[in-house]
């Protein structure tokens, strides 16, 4: 969280975040995941690498799935949420309709 705060002090146009939720308490994760919408409203683009795919799908506009360093799937977050095969194959999520 301190690293993100320091990065934001430089008024970036693009913020790269690796594992936003890794090692944080659930309450703190909720706070961190509230930030992308606020940052987008300020015109800051964000790239997030995240293992918690459900949380990433909640805040993302676009999703790119890499497999062995290659793009395995790319599309909008809405397409990712609506494409059961992609979610099952690459993200390991169980769809709830």
PDB file of N, CA and C in Angstrom:
ATOM      1  N   UNK A   1       0.827  -1.188   0.000  1.00  0.00           N
ATOM      2  CA  UNK A   1       0.000   0.000   0.000  1.00  0.00           C
ATOM      3  C   UNK A   1       0.870   1.250   0.000  1.00  0.00           C
ATOM      4  N   UNK A   2       1.984   1.185   0.707  1.00  0.00           N
ATOM      5  CA  UNK A   2       2.892   2.330   0.728  1.00  0.00           C
ATOM      6  C   UNK A   2       3.485   2.552  -0.657  1.00  0.00           C
ATOM      7  N   UNK A   3       3.834   1.462  -1.344  1.00  0.00           N
ATOM      8  CA  UNK A   3       4.401   1.582  -2.690  1.00  0.00           C
ATOM      9  C   UNK A   3       3.403   2.220  -3.649  1.00  0.00           C
ATOM     10  N   UNK A   4       2.144   1.849  -3.535  1.00  0.00           N
ATOM     11  CA  UNK A   4       1.116   2.440  -4.398  1.00  0.00           C
ATOM     12  C   UNK A   4       0.970   3.929  -4.086  1.00  0.00           C
ATOM     13  N   UNK A   5       0.952   4.269  -2.805  1.00  0.00           N
ATOM     14  CA  UNK A   5       0.858   5.670  -2.409  1.00  0.00           C
ATOM     15  C   UNK A   5       2.023   6.491  -2.931  1.00  0.00           C
ATOM     16  N   UNK A   6       3.230   5.939  -2.830  1.00  0.00           N
ATOM     17  CA  UNK A   6       4.412   6.641  -3.344  1.00  0.00           C
ATOM     18  C   UNK A   6       4.321   6.826  -4.854  1.00  0.00           C
ATOM     19  N   UNK A   7       3.852   5.795  -5.541  1.00  0.00           N
ATOM     20  CA  UNK A   7       3.726   5.893  -7.000  1.00  0.00           C
ATOM     21  C   UNK A   7       2.715   6.970  -7.390  1.00  0.00           C
ATOM     22  N   UNK A   8       1.626   7.056  -6.661  1.00  0.00           N
ATOM     23  CA  UNK A   8       0.585   8.042  -6.976  1.00  0.00           C
ATOM     24  C   UNK A   8       1.039   9.477  -6.711  1.00  0.00           C
ATOM     25  N   UNK A   9       2.004   9.657  -5.815  1.00  0.00           N
ATOM     26  CA  UNK A   9       2.502  11.006  -5.530  1.00  0.00           C
ATOM     27  C   UNK A   9       3.199  11.624  -6.736  1.00  0.00           C
ATOM     28  N   UNK A  10       3.672  10.788  -7.662  1.00  0.00           N
ATOM     29  CA  UNK A  10       4.349  11.307  -8.855  1.00  0.00           C
ATOM     30  C   UNK A  10       3.364  11.646  -9.978  1.00  0.00           C
ATOM     31  N   UNK A  11       2.071  11.540  -9.693  1.00  0.00           N
ATOM     32  CA  UNK A  11       1.005  11.838 -10.649  1.00  0.00           C
ATOM     33  C   UNK A  11       1.191  11.102 -11.983  1.00  0.00           C
ATOM     34  N   UNK A  12       1.191   9.773 -11.941  1.00  0.00           N
ATOM     35  CA  UNK A  12       1.421   8.988 -13.155  1.00  0.00           C
ATOM     36  C   UNK A  12       0.217   8.997 -14.091  1.00  0.00           C
ATOM     37  N   UNK A  13       0.470   8.719 -15.354  1.00  0.00           N
ATOM     38  CA  UNK A  13      -0.615   8.500 -16.317  1.00  0.00           C
ATOM     39  C   UNK A  13      -0.966   7.019 -16.367  1.00  0.00           C
ATOM     40  N   UNK A  14      -0.019   6.164 -15.956  1.00  0.00           N
ATOM     41  CA  UNK A  14      -0.192   4.714 -15.964  1.00  0.00           C
ATOM     42  C   UNK A  14       0.366   4.147 -14.674  1.00  0.00           C
ATOM     43  N   UNK A  15      -0.398   3.278 -14.022  1.00  0.00           N
ATOM     44  CA  UNK A  15       0.031   2.617 -12.800  1.00  0.00           C
ATOM     45  C   UNK A  15       0.059   1.119 -13.051  1.00  0.00           C
ATOM     46  N   UNK A  16       1.190   0.473 -12.796  1.00  0.00           N
ATOM     47  CA  UNK A  16       1.335  -0.971 -12.921  1.00  0.00           C
ATOM     48  C   UNK A  16       1.302  -1.574 -11.521  1.00  0.00           C
ATOM     49  N   UNK A  17       0.409  -2.530 -11.281  1.00  0.00           N
ATOM     50  CA  UNK A  17       0.269  -3.131  -9.958  1.00  0.00           C
ATOM     51  C   UNK A  17       0.336  -4.644 -10.106  1.00  0.00           C
ATOM     52  N   UNK A  18       1.225  -5.262  -9.317  1.00  0.00           N
ATOM     53  CA  UNK A  18       1.371  -6.716  -9.336  1.00  0.00           C
ATOM     54  C   UNK A  18       0.772  -7.288  -8.063  1.00  0.00           C
ATOM     55  N   UNK A  19      -0.216  -8.172  -8.210  1.00  0.00           N
ATOM     56  CA  UNK A  19      -0.851  -8.867  -7.085  1.00  0.00           C
ATOM     57  C   UNK A  19      -1.386  -7.884  -6.035  1.00  0.00           C
ATOM     58  N   UNK A  20      -2.383  -7.148  -6.416  1.00  0.00           N
ATOM     59  CA  UNK A  20      -2.988  -6.132  -5.548  1.00  0.00           C
ATOM     60  C   UNK A  20      -3.473  -6.705  -4.222  1.00  0.00           C
ATOM     61  N   UNK A  21      -3.915  -7.954  -4.223  1.00  0.00           N
ATOM     62  CA  UNK A  21      -4.509  -8.529  -3.012  1.00  0.00           C
ATOM     63  C   UNK A  21      -3.570  -9.450  -2.239  1.00  0.00           C
ATOM     64  N   UNK A  22      -2.383  -9.710  -2.730  1.00  0.00           N
ATOM     65  CA  UNK A  22      -1.498 -10.697  -2.119  1.00  0.00           C
ATOM     66  C   UNK A  22      -1.052 -10.278  -0.717  1.00  0.00           C
ATOM     67  N   UNK A  23      -1.335 -11.131   0.253  1.00  0.00           N
ATOM     68  CA  UNK A  23      -0.850 -10.936   1.605  1.00  0.00           C
ATOM     69  C   UNK A  23      -1.561  -9.878   2.417  1.00  0.00           C
ATOM     70  N   UNK A  24      -2.685  -9.377   1.936  1.00  0.00           N
ATOM     71  CA  UNK A  24      -3.406  -8.338   2.667  1.00  0.00           C
ATOM     72  C   UNK A  24      -4.634  -8.912   3.365  1.00  0.00           C
ATOM     73  N   UNK A  25      -5.038  -8.258   4.447  1.00  0.00           N
ATOM     74  CA  UNK A  25      -6.266  -8.644   5.142  1.00  0.00           C
ATOM     75  C   UNK A  25      -7.455  -8.347   4.231  1.00  0.00           C
ATOM     76  N   UNK A  26      -8.521  -9.144   4.319  1.00  0.00           N
ATOM     77  CA  UNK A  26      -9.696  -8.918   3.457  1.00  0.00           C
ATOM     78  C   UNK A  26     -10.231  -7.489   3.502  1.00  0.00           C
ATOM     79  N   UNK A  27     -10.239  -6.847   4.665  1.00  0.00           N
ATOM     80  CA  UNK A  27     -10.746  -5.478   4.772  1.00  0.00           C
ATOM     81  C   UNK A  27      -9.862  -4.517   3.977  1.00  0.00           C
ATOM     82  N   UNK A  28      -8.564  -4.734   4.000  1.00  0.00           N
ATOM     83  CA  UNK A  28      -7.624  -3.888   3.268  1.00  0.00           C
ATOM     84  C   UNK A  28      -7.751  -4.143   1.761  1.00  0.00           C
ATOM     85  N   UNK A  29      -7.993  -5.390   1.382  1.00  0.00           N
ATOM     86  CA  UNK A  29      -8.190  -5.729  -0.034  1.00  0.00           C
ATOM     87  C   UNK A  29      -9.391  -4.966  -0.582  1.00  0.00           C
ATOM     88  N   UNK A  30     -10.469  -4.899   0.196  1.00  0.00           N
ATOM     89  CA  UNK A  30     -11.645  -4.144  -0.242  1.00  0.00           C
ATOM     90  C   UNK A  30     -11.297  -2.684  -0.497  1.00  0.00           C
ATOM     91  N   UNK A  31     -10.487  -2.104   0.376  1.00  0.00           N
ATOM     92  CA  UNK A  31     -10.056  -0.712   0.205  1.00  0.00           C
ATOM     93  C   UNK A  31      -9.223  -0.565  -1.059  1.00  0.00           C
ATOM     94  N   UNK A  32      -8.304  -1.501  -1.276  1.00  0.00           N
ATOM     95  CA  UNK A  32      -7.443  -1.438  -2.461  1.00  0.00           C
ATOM     96  C   UNK A  32      -8.253  -1.573  -3.742  1.00  0.00           C
ATOM     97  N   UNK A  33      -9.274  -2.412  -3.722  1.00  0.00           N
ATOM     98  CA  UNK A  33     -10.079  -2.609  -4.925  1.00  0.00           C
ATOM     99  C   UNK A  33     -11.085  -1.481  -5.160  1.00  0.00           C
ATOM    100  N   UNK A  34     -11.244  -0.586  -4.202  1.00  0.00           N
ATOM    101  CA  UNK A  34     -12.058   0.604  -4.427  1.00  0.00           C
ATOM    102  C   UNK A  34     -11.262   1.644  -5.207  1.00  0.00           C
ATOM    103  N   UNK A  35      -9.949   1.555  -5.149  1.00  0.00           N
ATOM    104  CA  UNK A  35      -9.079   2.554  -5.776  1.00  0.00           C
ATOM    105  C   UNK A  35      -9.143   2.592  -7.304  1.00  0.00           C
ATOM    106  N   UNK A  36      -9.190   1.465  -8.023  1.00  0.00           N
ATOM    107  CA  UNK A  36      -9.167   1.556  -9.490  1.00  0.00           C
ATOM    108  C   UNK A  36     -10.256   2.449 -10.081  1.00  0.00           C
ATOM    109  N   UNK A  37     -11.459   2.392  -9.559  1.00  0.00           N
ATOM    110  CA  UNK A  37     -12.523   3.253 -10.092  1.00  0.00           C
ATOM    111  C   UNK A  37     -12.213   4.725  -9.853  1.00  0.00           C
ATOM    112  N   UNK A  38     -11.676   5.041  -8.681  1.00  0.00           N
ATOM    113  CA  UNK A  38     -11.321   6.428  -8.385  1.00  0.00           C
ATOM    114  C   UNK A  38     -10.181   6.896  -9.291  1.00  0.00           C
ATOM    115  N   UNK A  39      -9.200   6.019  -9.507  1.00  0.00           N
ATOM    116  CA  UNK A  39      -8.061   6.388 -10.345  1.00  0.00           C
ATOM    117  C   UNK A  39      -8.483   6.546 -11.804  1.00  0.00           C
ATOM    118  N   UNK A  40      -9.355   5.660 -12.280  1.00  0.00           N
ATOM    119  CA  UNK A  40      -9.861   5.784 -13.656  1.00  0.00           C
ATOM    120  C   UNK A  40     -10.588   7.108 -13.838  1.00  0.00           C
ATOM    121  N   UNK A  41     -11.340   7.526 -12.823  1.00  0.00           N
ATOM    122  CA  UNK A  41     -12.064   8.800 -12.897  1.00  0.00           C
ATOM    123  C   UNK A  41     -11.108   9.986 -12.990  1.00  0.00           C
ATOM    124  N   UNK A  42      -9.881   9.805 -12.514  1.00  0.00           N
ATOM    125  CA  UNK A  42      -8.865  10.857 -12.585  1.00  0.00           C
ATOM    126  C   UNK A  42      -8.017  10.749 -13.849  1.00  0.00           C
ATOM    127  N   UNK A  43      -8.347   9.784 -14.717  1.00  0.00           N
ATOM    128  CA  UNK A  43      -7.629   9.643 -15.975  1.00  0.00           C
ATOM    129  C   UNK A  43      -6.352   8.825 -15.890  1.00  0.00           C
ATOM    130  N   UNK A  44      -6.196   8.058 -14.820  1.00  0.00           N
ATOM    131  CA  UNK A  44      -5.007   7.218 -14.668  1.00  0.00           C
ATOM    132  C   UNK A  44      -5.330   5.813 -15.158  1.00  0.00           C
ATOM    133  N   UNK A  45      -4.551   5.325 -16.107  1.00  0.00           N
ATOM    134  CA  UNK A  45      -4.714   3.957 -16.597  1.00  0.00           C
ATOM    135  C   UNK A  45      -4.026   3.005 -15.619  1.00  0.00           C
ATOM    136  N   UNK A  46      -4.592   1.821 -15.452  1.00  0.00           N
ATOM    137  CA  UNK A  46      -4.059   0.864 -14.491  1.00  0.00           C
ATOM    138  C   UNK A  46      -3.929  -0.497 -15.160  1.00  0.00           C
ATOM    139  N   UNK A  47      -2.781  -1.110 -14.987  1.00  0.00           N
ATOM    140  CA  UNK A  47      -2.579  -2.500 -15.402  1.00  0.00           C
ATOM    141  C   UNK A  47      -2.365  -3.290 -14.122  1.00  0.00           C
ATOM    142  N   UNK A  48      -3.202  -4.306 -13.905  1.00  0.00           N
ATOM    143  CA  UNK A  48      -3.121  -5.117 -12.692  1.00  0.00           C
ATOM    144  C   UNK A  48      -2.857  -6.565 -13.082  1.00  0.00           C
ATOM    145  N   UNK A  49      -1.824  -7.137 -12.485  1.00  0.00           N
ATOM    146  CA  UNK A  49      -1.570  -8.569 -12.587  1.00  0.00           C
ATOM    147  C   UNK A  49      -2.130  -9.146 -11.301  1.00  0.00           C
ATOM    148  N   UNK A  50      -3.066 -10.080 -11.423  1.00  0.00           N
ATOM    149  CA  UNK A  50      -3.787 -10.524 -10.233  1.00  0.00           C
ATOM    150  C   UNK A  50      -4.120 -11.994 -10.313  1.00  0.00           C
ATOM    151  N   UNK A  51      -3.954 -12.697  -9.181  1.00  0.00           N
ATOM    152  CA  UNK A  51      -4.339 -14.101  -9.121  1.00  0.00           C
ATOM    153  C   UNK A  51      -5.795 -14.266  -8.692  1.00  0.00           C
ATOM    154  N   UNK A  52      -6.356 -13.268  -8.023  1.00  0.00           N
ATOM    155  CA  UNK A  52      -7.755 -13.302  -7.619  1.00  0.00           C
ATOM    156  C   UNK A  52      -8.598 -12.845  -8.799  1.00  0.00           C
ATOM    157  N   UNK A  53      -8.896 -13.776  -9.675  1.00  0.00           N
ATOM    158  CA  UNK A  53      -9.562 -13.418 -10.924  1.00  0.00           C
ATOM    159  C   UNK A  53     -10.953 -12.841 -10.710  1.00  0.00           C
ATOM    160  N   UNK A  54     -11.651 -13.311  -9.702  1.00  0.00           N
ATOM    161  CA  UNK A  54     -12.998 -12.790  -9.452  1.00  0.00           C
ATOM    162  C   UNK A  54     -12.937 -11.303  -9.143  1.00  0.00           C
ATOM    163  N   UNK A  55     -12.001 -10.899  -8.300  1.00  0.00           N
ATOM    164  CA  UNK A  55     -11.866  -9.479  -7.956  1.00  0.00           C
ATOM    165  C   UNK A  55     -11.412  -8.673  -9.174  1.00  0.00           C
ATOM    166  N   UNK A  56     -10.491  -9.223  -9.947  1.00  0.00           N
ATOM    167  CA  UNK A  56     -10.003  -8.517 -11.137  1.00  0.00           C
ATOM    168  C   UNK A  56     -11.137  -8.292 -12.131  1.00  0.00           C
ATOM    169  N   UNK A  57     -11.985  -9.292 -12.306  1.00  0.00           N
ATOM    170  CA  UNK A  57     -13.110  -9.155 -13.237  1.00  0.00           C
ATOM    171  C   UNK A  57     -14.112  -8.096 -12.775  1.00  0.00           C
ATOM    172  N   UNK A  58     -14.172  -7.847 -11.482  1.00  0.00           N
ATOM    173  CA  UNK A  58     -15.103  -6.842 -10.956  1.00  0.00           C
ATOM    174  C   UNK A  58     -14.696  -5.420 -11.325  1.00  0.00           C
ATOM    175  N   UNK A  59     -13.389  -5.152 -11.453  1.00  0.00           N
ATOM    176  CA  UNK A  59     -12.933  -3.779 -11.685  1.00  0.00           C
ATOM    177  C   UNK A  59     -12.344  -3.547 -13.070  1.00  0.00           C
ATOM    178  N   UNK A  60     -12.068  -4.609 -13.806  1.00  0.00           N
ATOM    179  CA  UNK A  60     -11.378  -4.465 -15.090  1.00  0.00           C
ATOM    180  C   UNK A  60     -12.312  -4.035 -16.211  1.00  0.00           C
ATOM    181  N   UNK A  61     -11.744  -3.309 -17.164  1.00  0.00           N
ATOM    182  CA  UNK A  61     -12.434  -3.019 -18.416  1.00  0.00           C
ATOM    183  C   UNK A  61     -12.104  -4.096 -19.435  1.00  0.00           C
ATOM    184  N   UNK A  62     -10.832  -4.479 -19.475  1.00  0.00           N
ATOM    185  CA  UNK A  62     -10.340  -5.482 -20.421  1.00  0.00           C
ATOM    186  C   UNK A  62      -9.509  -6.523 -19.690  1.00  0.00           C
ATOM    187  N   UNK A  63      -9.487  -7.738 -20.238  1.00  0.00           N
ATOM    188  CA  UNK A  63      -8.745  -8.851 -19.651  1.00  0.00           C
ATOM    189  C   UNK A  63      -7.828  -9.446 -20.715  1.00  0.00           C
ATOM    190  N   UNK A  64      -6.607  -9.727 -20.315  1.00  0.00           N
ATOM    191  CA  UNK A  64      -5.683 -10.474 -21.166  1.00  0.00           C
ATOM    192  C   UNK A  64      -5.181 -11.641 -20.334  1.00  0.00           C
ATOM    193  N   UNK A  65      -5.348 -12.850 -20.834  1.00  0.00           N
ATOM    194  CA  UNK A  65      -4.892 -14.051 -20.147  1.00  0.00           C
ATOM    195  C   UNK A  65      -3.627 -14.529 -20.844  1.00  0.00           C
ATOM    196  N   UNK A  66      -2.551 -14.642 -20.068  1.00  0.00           N
ATOM    197  CA  UNK A  66      -1.292 -15.122 -20.603  1.00  0.00           C
ATOM    198  C   UNK A  66      -1.087 -16.563 -20.171  1.00  0.00           C
ATOM    199  N   UNK A  67      -0.603 -17.365 -21.086  1.00  0.00           N
ATOM    200  CA  UNK A  67      -0.260 -18.747 -20.782  1.00  0.00           C
ATOM    201  C   UNK A  67       1.130 -18.999 -21.329  1.00  0.00           C
ATOM    202  N   UNK A  68       2.068 -19.285 -20.457  1.00  0.00           N
ATOM    203  CA  UNK A  68       3.471 -19.486 -20.837  1.00  0.00           C
ATOM    204  C   UNK A  68       4.008 -18.288 -21.615  1.00  0.00           C
ATOM    205  N   UNK A  69       3.622 -17.091 -21.180  1.00  0.00           N
ATOM    206  CA  UNK A  69       4.133 -15.865 -21.787  1.00  0.00           C
ATOM    207  C   UNK A  69       3.467 -15.453 -23.086  1.00  0.00           C
ATOM    208  N   UNK A  70       2.451 -16.163 -23.506  1.00  0.00           N
ATOM    209  CA  UNK A  70       1.736 -15.836 -24.744  1.00  0.00           C
ATOM    210  C   UNK A  70       0.280 -15.518 -24.433  1.00  0.00           C
ATOM    211  N   UNK A  71      -0.308 -14.666 -25.263  1.00  0.00           N
ATOM    212  CA  UNK A  71      -1.712 -14.315 -25.076  1.00  0.00           C
ATOM    213  C   UNK A  71      -2.573 -15.521 -25.445  1.00  0.00           C
ATOM    214  N   UNK A  72      -3.299 -16.015 -24.443  1.00  0.00           N
ATOM    215  CA  UNK A  72      -4.191 -17.160 -24.657  1.00  0.00           C
ATOM    216  C   UNK A  72      -5.618 -16.698 -24.920  1.00  0.00           C
ATOM    217  N   UNK A  73      -5.964 -15.528 -24.369  1.00  0.00           N
ATOM    218  CA  UNK A  73      -7.301 -14.976 -24.565  1.00  0.00           C
ATOM    219  C   UNK A  73      -7.239 -13.492 -24.266  1.00  0.00           C
ATOM    220  N   UNK A  74      -7.984 -12.700 -25.015  1.00  0.00           N
ATOM    221  CA  UNK A  74      -8.068 -11.259 -24.758  1.00  0.00           C
ATOM    222  C   UNK A  74      -9.467 -10.798 -25.116  1.00  0.00           C
ATOM    223  N   UNK A  75      -9.994  -9.895 -24.325  1.00  0.00           N
ATOM    224  CA  UNK A  75     -11.314  -9.347 -24.591  1.00  0.00           C
ATOM    225  C   UNK A  75     -11.759  -8.462 -23.451  1.00  0.00           C
ATOM    226  N   UNK A  76     -12.974  -8.016 -23.531  1.00  0.00           N
ATOM    227  CA  UNK A  76     -13.503  -7.160 -22.479  1.00  0.00           C
ATOM    228  C   UNK A  76     -13.772  -7.998 -21.225  1.00  0.00           C
ATOM    229  N   UNK A  77     -13.814  -7.332 -20.081  1.00  0.00           N
ATOM    230  CA  UNK A  77     -14.124  -8.032 -18.838  1.00  0.00           C
ATOM    231  C   UNK A  77     -15.537  -8.625 -18.907  1.00  0.00           C
ATOM    232  N   UNK A  78     -16.432  -7.901 -19.564  1.00  0.00           N
ATOM    233  CA  UNK A  78     -17.792  -8.423 -19.707  1.00  0.00           C
ATOM    234  C   UNK A  78     -17.792  -9.714 -20.528  1.00  0.00           C
ATOM    235  N   UNK A  79     -17.028  -9.740 -21.622  1.00  0.00           N
ATOM    236  CA  UNK A  79     -16.917 -10.968 -22.410  1.00  0.00           C
ATOM    237  C   UNK A  79     -16.327 -12.097 -21.563  1.00  0.00           C
ATOM    238  N   UNK A  80     -15.341 -11.773 -20.736  1.00  0.00           N
ATOM    239  CA  UNK A  80     -14.723 -12.788 -19.876  1.00  0.00           C
ATOM    240  C   UNK A  80     -15.736 -13.344 -18.886  1.00  0.00           C
ATOM    241  N   UNK A  81     -16.567 -12.468 -18.324  1.00  0.00           N
ATOM    242  CA  UNK A  81     -17.585 -12.932 -17.378  1.00  0.00           C
ATOM    243  C   UNK A  81     -18.645 -13.780 -18.072  1.00  0.00           C
ATOM    244  N   UNK A  82     -18.906 -13.508 -19.359  1.00  0.00           N
ATOM    245  CA  UNK A  82     -19.966 -14.210 -20.093  1.00  0.00           C
ATOM    246  C   UNK A  82     -19.472 -15.391 -20.914  1.00  0.00           C
ATOM    247  N   UNK A  83     -18.174 -15.618 -20.929  1.00  0.00           N
ATOM    248  CA  UNK A  83     -17.606 -16.694 -21.739  1.00  0.00           C
ATOM    249  C   UNK A  83     -17.169 -17.817 -20.813  1.00  0.00           C
ATOM    250  N   UNK A  84     -18.077 -18.742 -20.547  1.00  0.00           N
ATOM    251  CA  UNK A  84     -17.817 -19.822 -19.598  1.00  0.00           C
ATOM    252  C   UNK A  84     -16.589 -20.656 -19.915  1.00  0.00           C
ATOM    253  N   UNK A  85     -16.394 -20.996 -21.186  1.00  0.00           N
ATOM    254  CA  UNK A  85     -15.248 -21.835 -21.538  1.00  0.00           C
ATOM    255  C   UNK A  85     -13.938 -21.141 -21.208  1.00  0.00           C
ATOM    256  N   UNK A  86     -13.831 -19.853 -21.495  1.00  0.00           N
ATOM    257  CA  UNK A  86     -12.606 -19.124 -21.207  1.00  0.00           C
ATOM    258  C   UNK A  86     -12.367 -19.095 -19.705  1.00  0.00           C
ATOM    259  N   UNK A  87     -13.393 -18.811 -18.959  1.00  0.00           N
ATOM    260  CA  UNK A  87     -13.240 -18.728 -17.510  1.00  0.00           C
ATOM    261  C   UNK A  87     -12.836 -20.087 -16.939  1.00  0.00           C
ATOM    262  N   UNK A  88     -13.503 -21.144 -17.366  1.00  0.00           N
ATOM    263  CA  UNK A  88     -13.176 -22.469 -16.855  1.00  0.00           C
ATOM    264  C   UNK A  88     -11.764 -22.888 -17.247  1.00  0.00           C
ATOM    265  N   UNK A  89     -11.404 -22.661 -18.491  1.00  0.00           N
ATOM    266  CA  UNK A  89     -10.121 -23.137 -19.000  1.00  0.00           C
ATOM    267  C   UNK A  89      -8.932 -22.360 -18.458  1.00  0.00           C
ATOM    268  N   UNK A  90      -9.064 -21.055 -18.393  1.00  0.00           N
ATOM    269  CA  UNK A  90      -7.900 -20.242 -18.050  1.00  0.00           C
ATOM    270  C   UNK A  90      -7.917 -19.684 -16.643  1.00  0.00           C
ATOM    271  N   UNK A  91      -9.083 -19.355 -16.145  1.00  0.00           N
ATOM    272  CA  UNK A  91      -9.133 -18.689 -14.857  1.00  0.00           C
ATOM    273  C   UNK A  91      -9.532 -19.609 -13.720  1.00  0.00           C
ATOM    274  N   UNK A  92     -10.055 -20.779 -14.030  1.00  0.00           N
ATOM    275  CA  UNK A  92     -10.401 -21.728 -12.984  1.00  0.00           C
ATOM    276  C   UNK A  92     -11.546 -21.302 -12.114  1.00  0.00           C
ATOM    277  N   UNK A  93     -12.448 -20.498 -12.648  1.00  0.00           N
ATOM    278  CA  UNK A  93     -13.600 -20.062 -11.868  1.00  0.00           C
ATOM    279  C   UNK A  93     -14.806 -20.937 -12.159  1.00  0.00           C
ATOM    280  N   UNK A  94     -15.675 -21.031 -11.202  1.00  0.00           N
ATOM    281  CA  UNK A  94     -16.944 -21.704 -11.416  1.00  0.00           C
ATOM    282  C   UNK A  94     -17.986 -20.635 -11.683  1.00  0.00           C
ATOM    283  N   UNK A  95     -18.670 -20.758 -12.811  1.00  0.00           N
ATOM    284  CA  UNK A  95     -19.697 -19.777 -13.160  1.00  0.00           C
ATOM    285  C   UNK A  95     -20.945 -20.014 -12.341  1.00  0.00           C
ATOM    286  N   UNK A  96     -21.536 -18.922 -11.925  1.00  0.00           N
ATOM    287  CA  UNK A  96     -22.816 -18.969 -11.234  1.00  0.00           C
ATOM    288  C   UNK A  96     -23.782 -18.139 -12.061  1.00  0.00           C
ATOM    289  N   UNK A  97     -24.748 -18.772 -12.683  1.00  0.00           N
ATOM    290  CA  UNK A  97     -25.725 -18.062 -13.526  1.00  0.00           C
ATOM    291  C   UNK A  97     -27.011 -17.827 -12.784  1.00  0.00           C
TER     292      UNK A  97
END
